[in-house]
């Protein structure tokens, strides 16, 4: 038995969110049934939390963008410890 799925077309959406977290969260939540792939220009990129660290009492900073349980996030690798260092200008979300 094959696990292959044939898709005739993809529904794609593109939006510049101008680093606005609320707008990006709204797009991801409201587009579940409308789009398969979402391209985001200027995604918000900020400190998410501090992860426990054995060498740093304040913890290691975790920098990133908005995630959603129904979307897989694709971004290029960057320096995740430096919030201002050449942040990604595009994020791609693929519906799971």
PDB file of N, CA and C in Angstrom:
ATOM      1  N   UNK A   1       0.842  -1.181   0.000  1.00  0.00           N
ATOM      2  CA  UNK A   1       0.000   0.000   0.000  1.00  0.00           C
ATOM      3  C   UNK A   1       0.884   1.240   0.000  1.00  0.00           C
ATOM      4  N   UNK A   2       0.517   2.222  -0.758  1.00  0.00           N
ATOM      5  CA  UNK A   2       1.301   3.437  -0.908  1.00  0.00           C
ATOM      6  C   UNK A   2       0.768   4.535   0.007  1.00  0.00           C
ATOM      7  N   UNK A   3       1.705   5.361   0.509  1.00  0.00           N
ATOM      8  CA  UNK A   3       1.332   6.511   1.333  1.00  0.00           C
ATOM      9  C   UNK A   3       1.387   7.804   0.523  1.00  0.00           C
ATOM     10  N   UNK A   4       1.438   7.698  -0.776  1.00  0.00           N
ATOM     11  CA  UNK A   4       1.550   8.861  -1.640  1.00  0.00           C
ATOM     12  C   UNK A   4       0.217   9.589  -1.734  1.00  0.00           C
ATOM     13  N   UNK A   5       0.279  10.905  -1.616  1.00  0.00           N
ATOM     14  CA  UNK A   5      -0.904  11.751  -1.751  1.00  0.00           C
ATOM     15  C   UNK A   5      -0.702  12.626  -2.977  1.00  0.00           C
ATOM     16  N   UNK A   6      -1.657  12.630  -3.868  1.00  0.00           N
ATOM     17  CA  UNK A   6      -1.577  13.455  -5.068  1.00  0.00           C
ATOM     18  C   UNK A   6      -2.327  14.757  -4.813  1.00  0.00           C
ATOM     19  N   UNK A   7      -1.634  15.860  -5.058  1.00  0.00           N
ATOM     20  CA  UNK A   7      -2.233  17.177  -4.869  1.00  0.00           C
ATOM     21  C   UNK A   7      -2.270  17.868  -6.220  1.00  0.00           C
ATOM     22  N   UNK A   8      -3.441  18.313  -6.630  1.00  0.00           N
ATOM     23  CA  UNK A   8      -3.578  18.984  -7.917  1.00  0.00           C
ATOM     24  C   UNK A   8      -3.094  20.421  -7.876  1.00  0.00           C
ATOM     25  N   UNK A   9      -3.220  21.060  -6.730  1.00  0.00           N
ATOM     26  CA  UNK A   9      -2.805  22.457  -6.627  1.00  0.00           C
ATOM     27  C   UNK A   9      -2.507  22.819  -5.175  1.00  0.00           C
ATOM     28  N   UNK A  10      -1.719  23.858  -5.023  1.00  0.00           N
ATOM     29  CA  UNK A  10      -1.428  24.409  -3.706  1.00  0.00           C
ATOM     30  C   UNK A  10      -2.066  25.775  -3.610  1.00  0.00           C
ATOM     31  N   UNK A  11      -2.564  26.085  -2.449  1.00  0.00           N
ATOM     32  CA  UNK A  11      -3.111  27.416  -2.188  1.00  0.00           C
ATOM     33  C   UNK A  11      -2.050  28.182  -1.411  1.00  0.00           C
ATOM     34  N   UNK A  12      -1.543  29.268  -2.009  1.00  0.00           N
ATOM     35  CA  UNK A  12      -0.415  30.012  -1.454  1.00  0.00           C
ATOM     36  C   UNK A  12      -0.847  31.435  -1.145  1.00  0.00           C
ATOM     37  N   UNK A  13      -0.363  31.928  -0.001  1.00  0.00           N
ATOM     38  CA  UNK A  13      -0.657  33.296   0.435  1.00  0.00           C
ATOM     39  C   UNK A  13       0.659  33.966   0.796  1.00  0.00           C
ATOM     40  N   UNK A  14       0.790  35.247   0.502  1.00  0.00           N
ATOM     41  CA  UNK A  14       1.994  35.999   0.838  1.00  0.00           C
ATOM     42  C   UNK A  14       1.585  37.320   1.477  1.00  0.00           C
ATOM     43  N   UNK A  15       2.292  37.708   2.555  1.00  0.00           N
ATOM     44  CA  UNK A  15       1.932  38.945   3.263  1.00  0.00           C
ATOM     45  C   UNK A  15       3.173  39.526   3.929  1.00  0.00           C
ATOM     46  N   UNK A  16       3.329  40.828   3.860  1.00  0.00           N
ATOM     47  CA  UNK A  16       4.347  41.531   4.622  1.00  0.00           C
ATOM     48  C   UNK A  16       3.680  41.938   5.940  1.00  0.00           C
ATOM     49  N   UNK A  17       4.174  41.417   7.053  1.00  0.00           N
ATOM     50  CA  UNK A  17       3.560  41.722   8.348  1.00  0.00           C
ATOM     51  C   UNK A  17       4.301  42.826   9.095  1.00  0.00           C
ATOM     52  N   UNK A  18       5.400  43.331   8.509  1.00  0.00           N
ATOM     53  CA  UNK A  18       6.135  44.457   9.095  1.00  0.00           C
ATOM     54  C   UNK A  18       6.467  44.229  10.570  1.00  0.00           C
ATOM     55  N   UNK A  19       6.920  42.996  10.888  1.00  0.00           N
ATOM     56  CA  UNK A  19       7.355  42.590  12.238  1.00  0.00           C
ATOM     57  C   UNK A  19       6.226  42.653  13.284  1.00  0.00           C
ATOM     58  N   UNK A  20       4.995  42.534  12.846  1.00  0.00           N
ATOM     59  CA  UNK A  20       3.836  42.626  13.729  1.00  0.00           C
ATOM     60  C   UNK A  20       3.409  41.221  14.162  1.00  0.00           C
ATOM     61  N   UNK A  21       3.669  40.870  15.421  1.00  0.00           N
ATOM     62  CA  UNK A  21       3.350  39.537  15.947  1.00  0.00           C
ATOM     63  C   UNK A  21       1.855  39.251  15.937  1.00  0.00           C
ATOM     64  N   UNK A  22       1.053  40.225  16.310  1.00  0.00           N
ATOM     65  CA  UNK A  22      -0.396  40.013  16.358  1.00  0.00           C
ATOM     66  C   UNK A  22      -0.973  39.744  14.974  1.00  0.00           C
ATOM     67  N   UNK A  23      -0.481  40.462  13.969  1.00  0.00           N
ATOM     68  CA  UNK A  23      -0.962  40.240  12.610  1.00  0.00           C
ATOM     69  C   UNK A  23      -0.575  38.838  12.143  1.00  0.00           C
ATOM     70  N   UNK A  24       0.656  38.418  12.408  1.00  0.00           N
ATOM     71  CA  UNK A  24       1.091  37.086  12.004  1.00  0.00           C
ATOM     72  C   UNK A  24       0.286  36.000  12.707  1.00  0.00           C
ATOM     73  N   UNK A  25       0.058  36.138  14.001  1.00  0.00           N
ATOM     74  CA  UNK A  25      -0.754  35.162  14.740  1.00  0.00           C
ATOM     75  C   UNK A  25      -2.162  35.084  14.169  1.00  0.00           C
ATOM     76  N   UNK A  26      -2.724  36.217  13.815  1.00  0.00           N
ATOM     77  CA  UNK A  26      -4.067  36.264  13.238  1.00  0.00           C
ATOM     78  C   UNK A  26      -4.107  35.554  11.880  1.00  0.00           C
ATOM     79  N   UNK A  27      -3.109  35.792  11.048  1.00  0.00           N
ATOM     80  CA  UNK A  27      -3.058  35.139   9.733  1.00  0.00           C
ATOM     81  C   UNK A  27      -2.968  33.626   9.893  1.00  0.00           C
ATOM     82  N   UNK A  28      -2.106  33.162  10.777  1.00  0.00           N
ATOM     83  CA  UNK A  28      -1.937  31.722  10.969  1.00  0.00           C
ATOM     84  C   UNK A  28      -3.214  31.072  11.502  1.00  0.00           C
ATOM     85  N   UNK A  29      -3.871  31.723  12.443  1.00  0.00           N
ATOM     86  CA  UNK A  29      -5.087  31.157  13.046  1.00  0.00           C
ATOM     87  C   UNK A  29      -6.270  31.165  12.078  1.00  0.00           C
ATOM     88  N   UNK A  30      -6.369  32.192  11.254  1.00  0.00           N
ATOM     89  CA  UNK A  30      -7.542  32.317  10.384  1.00  0.00           C
ATOM     90  C   UNK A  30      -7.367  31.647   9.020  1.00  0.00           C
ATOM     91  N   UNK A  31      -6.172  31.177   8.703  1.00  0.00           N
ATOM     92  CA  UNK A  31      -5.909  30.634   7.367  1.00  0.00           C
ATOM     93  C   UNK A  31      -5.814  29.124   7.324  1.00  0.00           C
ATOM     94  N   UNK A  32      -6.218  28.457   8.377  1.00  0.00           N
ATOM     95  CA  UNK A  32      -6.068  27.005   8.452  1.00  0.00           C
ATOM     96  C   UNK A  32      -6.745  26.263   7.309  1.00  0.00           C
ATOM     97  N   UNK A  33      -7.925  26.683   6.917  1.00  0.00           N
ATOM     98  CA  UNK A  33      -8.671  25.990   5.872  1.00  0.00           C
ATOM     99  C   UNK A  33      -8.536  26.646   4.498  1.00  0.00           C
ATOM    100  N   UNK A  34      -7.829  27.771   4.438  1.00  0.00           N
ATOM    101  CA  UNK A  34      -7.774  28.536   3.202  1.00  0.00           C
ATOM    102  C   UNK A  34      -6.484  28.361   2.401  1.00  0.00           C
ATOM    103  N   UNK A  35      -5.347  28.082   3.095  1.00  0.00           N
ATOM    104  CA  UNK A  35      -4.062  28.056   2.409  1.00  0.00           C
ATOM    105  C   UNK A  35      -3.225  26.863   2.850  1.00  0.00           C
ATOM    106  N   UNK A  36      -2.351  26.424   1.934  1.00  0.00           N
ATOM    107  CA  UNK A  36      -1.425  25.331   2.218  1.00  0.00           C
ATOM    108  C   UNK A  36      -0.044  25.858   2.596  1.00  0.00           C
ATOM    109  N   UNK A  37       0.350  26.967   1.976  1.00  0.00           N
ATOM    110  CA  UNK A  37       1.659  27.567   2.210  1.00  0.00           C
ATOM    111  C   UNK A  37       1.473  29.062   2.398  1.00  0.00           C
ATOM    112  N   UNK A  38       2.147  29.612   3.410  1.00  0.00           N
ATOM    113  CA  UNK A  38       2.104  31.057   3.644  1.00  0.00           C
ATOM    114  C   UNK A  38       3.528  31.584   3.673  1.00  0.00           C
ATOM    115  N   UNK A  39       3.793  32.582   2.834  1.00  0.00           N
ATOM    116  CA  UNK A  39       5.075  33.273   2.836  1.00  0.00           C
ATOM    117  C   UNK A  39       4.908  34.577   3.605  1.00  0.00           C
ATOM    118  N   UNK A  40       5.766  34.798   4.594  1.00  0.00           N
ATOM    119  CA  UNK A  40       5.694  36.005   5.411  1.00  0.00           C
ATOM    120  C   UNK A  40       6.965  36.824   5.197  1.00  0.00           C
ATOM    121  N   UNK A  41       6.779  38.074   4.772  1.00  0.00           N
ATOM    122  CA  UNK A  41       7.893  39.002   4.668  1.00  0.00           C
ATOM    123  C   UNK A  41       8.001  39.770   5.973  1.00  0.00           C
ATOM    124  N   UNK A  42       9.220  40.085   6.386  1.00  0.00           N
ATOM    125  CA  UNK A  42       9.511  40.811   7.617  1.00  0.00           C
ATOM    126  C   UNK A  42       8.814  40.197   8.828  1.00  0.00           C
ATOM    127  N   UNK A  43       9.084  38.912   9.106  1.00  0.00           N
ATOM    128  CA  UNK A  43       8.467  38.298  10.291  1.00  0.00           C
ATOM    129  C   UNK A  43       9.022  38.914  11.574  1.00  0.00           C
ATOM    130  N   UNK A  44       8.225  38.938  12.640  1.00  0.00           N
ATOM    131  CA  UNK A  44       8.765  39.409  13.917  1.00  0.00           C
ATOM    132  C   UNK A  44       9.853  38.445  14.374  1.00  0.00           C
ATOM    133  N   UNK A  45      10.944  38.965  14.895  1.00  0.00           N
ATOM    134  CA  UNK A  45      12.063  38.129  15.341  1.00  0.00           C
ATOM    135  C   UNK A  45      12.536  38.724  16.647  1.00  0.00           C
ATOM    136  N   UNK A  46      12.270  38.025  17.750  1.00  0.00           N
ATOM    137  CA  UNK A  46      12.518  38.619  19.066  1.00  0.00           C
ATOM    138  C   UNK A  46      12.868  37.541  20.088  1.00  0.00           C
ATOM    139  N   UNK A  47      13.178  37.984  21.286  1.00  0.00           N
ATOM    140  CA  UNK A  47      13.439  37.071  22.393  1.00  0.00           C
ATOM    141  C   UNK A  47      12.145  36.343  22.744  1.00  0.00           C
ATOM    142  N   UNK A  48      12.198  35.013  22.708  1.00  0.00           N
ATOM    143  CA  UNK A  48      11.030  34.211  23.041  1.00  0.00           C
ATOM    144  C   UNK A  48      11.052  33.858  24.521  1.00  0.00           C
ATOM    145  N   UNK A  49      12.210  33.399  24.988  1.00  0.00           N
ATOM    146  CA  UNK A  49      12.366  33.032  26.398  1.00  0.00           C
ATOM    147  C   UNK A  49      13.841  32.805  26.673  1.00  0.00           C
ATOM    148  N   UNK A  50      14.169  32.514  27.925  1.00  0.00           N
ATOM    149  CA  UNK A  50      15.512  32.091  28.301  1.00  0.00           C
ATOM    150  C   UNK A  50      15.468  30.610  28.654  1.00  0.00           C
ATOM    151  N   UNK A  51      16.321  29.820  28.003  1.00  0.00           N
ATOM    152  CA  UNK A  51      16.387  28.382  28.256  1.00  0.00           C
ATOM    153  C   UNK A  51      17.404  28.119  29.369  1.00  0.00           C
ATOM    154  N   UNK A  52      17.161  27.127  30.212  1.00  0.00           N
ATOM    155  CA  UNK A  52      18.113  26.800  31.272  1.00  0.00           C
ATOM    156  C   UNK A  52      19.495  26.512  30.694  1.00  0.00           C
ATOM    157  N   UNK A  53      20.509  26.922  31.450  1.00  0.00           N
ATOM    158  CA  UNK A  53      21.878  26.740  30.999  1.00  0.00           C
ATOM    159  C   UNK A  53      22.769  26.371  32.178  1.00  0.00           C
ATOM    160  N   UNK A  54      23.688  25.456  31.959  1.00  0.00           N
ATOM    161  CA  UNK A  54      24.631  25.081  33.005  1.00  0.00           C
ATOM    162  C   UNK A  54      25.762  26.072  33.148  1.00  0.00           C
ATOM    163  N   UNK A  55      25.985  26.915  32.130  1.00  0.00           N
ATOM    164  CA  UNK A  55      27.096  27.863  32.175  1.00  0.00           C
ATOM    165  C   UNK A  55      26.648  29.317  32.352  1.00  0.00           C
ATOM    166  N   UNK A  56      25.389  29.591  32.135  1.00  0.00           N
ATOM    167  CA  UNK A  56      24.890  30.960  32.230  1.00  0.00           C
ATOM    168  C   UNK A  56      23.738  30.996  33.240  1.00  0.00           C
ATOM    169  N   UNK A  57      23.931  31.668  34.387  1.00  0.00           N
ATOM    170  CA  UNK A  57      22.876  31.685  35.409  1.00  0.00           C
ATOM    171  C   UNK A  57      21.579  32.357  34.941  1.00  0.00           C
ATOM    172  N   UNK A  58      21.661  33.245  33.962  1.00  0.00           N
ATOM    173  CA  UNK A  58      20.463  33.902  33.438  1.00  0.00           C
ATOM    174  C   UNK A  58      19.767  33.047  32.388  1.00  0.00           C
ATOM    175  N   UNK A  59      20.432  31.985  31.932  1.00  0.00           N
ATOM    176  CA  UNK A  59      19.885  31.132  30.881  1.00  0.00           C
ATOM    177  C   UNK A  59      20.303  31.612  29.516  1.00  0.00           C
ATOM    178  N   UNK A  60      20.199  30.729  28.542  1.00  0.00           N
ATOM    179  CA  UNK A  60      20.543  31.076  27.162  1.00  0.00           C
ATOM    180  C   UNK A  60      19.326  31.682  26.478  1.00  0.00           C
ATOM    181  N   UNK A  61      19.487  32.832  25.818  1.00  0.00           N
ATOM    182  CA  UNK A  61      18.346  33.429  25.127  1.00  0.00           C
ATOM    183  C   UNK A  61      17.912  32.587  23.934  1.00  0.00           C
ATOM    184  N   UNK A  62      16.606  32.450  23.771  1.00  0.00           N
ATOM    185  CA  UNK A  62      16.025  31.768  22.614  1.00  0.00           C
ATOM    186  C   UNK A  62      15.317  32.848  21.797  1.00  0.00           C
ATOM    187  N   UNK A  63      15.825  33.070  20.599  1.00  0.00           N
ATOM    188  CA  UNK A  63      15.298  34.099  19.716  1.00  0.00           C
ATOM    189  C   UNK A  63      14.535  33.417  18.590  1.00  0.00           C
ATOM    190  N   UNK A  64      13.388  33.957  18.209  1.00  0.00           N
ATOM    191  CA  UNK A  64      12.634  33.332  17.131  1.00  0.00           C
ATOM    192  C   UNK A  64      11.424  34.148  16.729  1.00  0.00           C
ATOM    193  N   UNK A  65      10.548  33.496  15.980  1.00  0.00           N
ATOM    194  CA  UNK A  65       9.326  34.139  15.504  1.00  0.00           C
ATOM    195  C   UNK A  65       8.122  33.328  15.966  1.00  0.00           C
ATOM    196  N   UNK A  66       6.972  33.730  15.554  1.00  0.00           N
ATOM    197  CA  UNK A  66       5.713  33.106  15.937  1.00  0.00           C
ATOM    198  C   UNK A  66       5.634  31.669  15.433  1.00  0.00           C
ATOM    199  N   UNK A  67       5.199  30.771  16.302  1.00  0.00           N
ATOM    200  CA  UNK A  67       4.949  29.390  15.894  1.00  0.00           C
ATOM    201  C   UNK A  67       3.475  29.078  16.137  1.00  0.00           C
ATOM    202  N   UNK A  68       2.985  28.079  15.438  1.00  0.00           N
ATOM    203  CA  UNK A  68       1.588  27.674  15.572  1.00  0.00           C
ATOM    204  C   UNK A  68       1.546  26.158  15.438  1.00  0.00           C
ATOM    205  N   UNK A  69       0.758  25.468  16.253  1.00  0.00           N
ATOM    206  CA  UNK A  69       0.774  24.005  16.229  1.00  0.00           C
ATOM    207  C   UNK A  69       0.302  23.388  14.905  1.00  0.00           C
ATOM    208  N   UNK A  70      -0.440  24.122  14.093  1.00  0.00           N
ATOM    209  CA  UNK A  70      -0.952  23.579  12.838  1.00  0.00           C
ATOM    210  C   UNK A  70      -0.075  23.920  11.629  1.00  0.00           C
ATOM    211  N   UNK A  71       1.012  24.648  11.858  1.00  0.00           N
ATOM    212  CA  UNK A  71       1.889  25.078  10.778  1.00  0.00           C
ATOM    213  C   UNK A  71       3.329  24.685  11.072  1.00  0.00           C
ATOM    214  N   UNK A  72       4.034  24.201  10.050  1.00  0.00           N
ATOM    215  CA  UNK A  72       5.468  23.946  10.155  1.00  0.00           C
ATOM    216  C   UNK A  72       6.181  25.199   9.673  1.00  0.00           C
ATOM    217  N   UNK A  73       7.159  25.646  10.447  1.00  0.00           N
ATOM    218  CA  UNK A  73       7.888  26.868  10.144  1.00  0.00           C
ATOM    219  C   UNK A  73       9.201  26.544   9.453  1.00  0.00           C
ATOM    220  N   UNK A  74       9.511  27.294   8.397  1.00  0.00           N
ATOM    221  CA  UNK A  74      10.784  27.167   7.696  1.00  0.00           C
ATOM    222  C   UNK A  74      11.422  28.553   7.628  1.00  0.00           C
ATOM    223  N   UNK A  75      12.613  28.681   8.202  1.00  0.00           N
ATOM    224  CA  UNK A  75      13.404  29.916   8.107  1.00  0.00           C
ATOM    225  C   UNK A  75      14.854  29.515   7.919  1.00  0.00           C
ATOM    226  N   UNK A  76      15.647  30.423   7.398  1.00  0.00           N
ATOM    227  CA  UNK A  76      17.065  30.128   7.272  1.00  0.00           C
ATOM    228  C   UNK A  76      17.715  30.218   8.644  1.00  0.00           C
ATOM    229  N   UNK A  77      18.780  29.485   8.813  1.00  0.00           N
ATOM    230  CA  UNK A  77      19.479  29.470  10.085  1.00  0.00           C
ATOM    231  C   UNK A  77      20.150  30.815  10.318  1.00  0.00           C
ATOM    232  N   UNK A  78      20.059  31.301  11.549  1.00  0.00           N
ATOM    233  CA  UNK A  78      20.718  32.549  11.918  1.00  0.00           C
ATOM    234  C   UNK A  78      21.350  32.360  13.284  1.00  0.00           C
ATOM    235  N   UNK A  79      21.971  33.400  13.768  1.00  0.00           N
ATOM    236  CA  UNK A  79      22.563  33.354  15.099  1.00  0.00           C
ATOM    237  C   UNK A  79      21.438  33.488  16.113  1.00  0.00           C
ATOM    238  N   UNK A  80      21.006  32.361  16.700  1.00  0.00           N
ATOM    239  CA  UNK A  80      19.843  32.359  17.581  1.00  0.00           C
ATOM    240  C   UNK A  80      20.098  33.022  18.929  1.00  0.00           C
ATOM    241  N   UNK A  81      21.338  33.397  19.214  1.00  0.00           N
ATOM    242  CA  UNK A  81      21.642  34.036  20.492  1.00  0.00           C
ATOM    243  C   UNK A  81      21.771  35.543  20.372  1.00  0.00           C
ATOM    244  N   UNK A  82      21.673  36.080  19.181  1.00  0.00           N
ATOM    245  CA  UNK A  82      21.847  37.506  18.992  1.00  0.00           C
ATOM    246  C   UNK A  82      20.619  38.066  18.298  1.00  0.00           C
ATOM    247  N   UNK A  83      19.805  38.773  19.062  1.00  0.00           N
ATOM    248  CA  UNK A  83      18.503  39.237  18.569  1.00  0.00           C
ATOM    249  C   UNK A  83      18.617  40.175  17.368  1.00  0.00           C
ATOM    250  N   UNK A  84      19.680  40.955  17.262  1.00  0.00           N
ATOM    251  CA  UNK A  84      19.788  41.913  16.164  1.00  0.00           C
ATOM    252  C   UNK A  84      20.609  41.421  14.996  1.00  0.00           C
ATOM    253  N   UNK A  85      21.164  40.226  15.056  1.00  0.00           N
ATOM    254  CA  UNK A  85      22.106  39.753  14.040  1.00  0.00           C
ATOM    255  C   UNK A  85      21.393  39.206  12.812  1.00  0.00           C
ATOM    256  N   UNK A  86      21.350  39.977  11.759  1.00  0.00           N
ATOM    257  CA  UNK A  86      20.878  39.533  10.458  1.00  0.00           C
ATOM    258  C   UNK A  86      19.676  38.590  10.544  1.00  0.00           C
ATOM    259  N   UNK A  87      18.610  39.092  11.101  1.00  0.00           N
ATOM    260  CA  UNK A  87      17.400  38.277  11.263  1.00  0.00           C
ATOM    261  C   UNK A  87      16.805  37.898   9.915  1.00  0.00           C
ATOM    262  N   UNK A  88      16.128  36.740   9.841  1.00  0.00           N
ATOM    263  CA  UNK A  88      15.494  36.333   8.582  1.00  0.00           C
ATOM    264  C   UNK A  88      14.482  37.367   8.108  1.00  0.00           C
ATOM    265  N   UNK A  89      14.450  37.573   6.813  1.00  0.00           N
ATOM    266  CA  UNK A  89      13.511  38.531   6.234  1.00  0.00           C
ATOM    267  C   UNK A  89      12.272  37.850   5.679  1.00  0.00           C
ATOM    268  N   UNK A  90      12.330  36.503   5.612  1.00  0.00           N
ATOM    269  CA  UNK A  90      11.198  35.743   5.104  1.00  0.00           C
ATOM    270  C   UNK A  90      11.022  34.503   5.953  1.00  0.00           C
ATOM    271  N   UNK A  91       9.785  34.163   6.252  1.00  0.00           N
ATOM    272  CA  UNK A  91       9.442  32.912   6.928  1.00  0.00           C
ATOM    273  C   UNK A  91       8.394  32.212   6.066  1.00  0.00           C
ATOM    274  N   UNK A  92       8.476  30.897   6.023  1.00  0.00           N
ATOM    275  CA  UNK A  92       7.508  30.117   5.261  1.00  0.00           C
ATOM    276  C   UNK A  92       6.800  29.188   6.223  1.00  0.00           C
ATOM    277  N   UNK A  93       5.482  29.180   6.171  1.00  0.00           N
ATOM    278  CA  UNK A  93       4.669  28.299   6.986  1.00  0.00           C
ATOM    279  C   UNK A  93       3.964  27.314   6.059  1.00  0.00           C
ATOM    280  N   UNK A  94       4.088  26.026   6.374  1.00  0.00           N
ATOM    281  CA  UNK A  94       3.443  24.979   5.594  1.00  0.00           C
ATOM    282  C   UNK A  94       2.412  24.296   6.489  1.00  0.00           C
ATOM    283  N   UNK A  95       1.182  24.224   6.012  1.00  0.00           N
ATOM    284  CA  UNK A  95       0.120  23.617   6.808  1.00  0.00           C
ATOM    285  C   UNK A  95       0.409  22.129   7.004  1.00  0.00           C
ATOM    286  N   UNK A  96       0.304  21.658   8.241  1.00  0.00           N
ATOM    287  CA  UNK A  96       0.655  20.255   8.564  1.00  0.00           C
ATOM    288  C   UNK A  96      -0.354  19.280   8.015  1.00  0.00           C
TER     289      UNK A  96
END
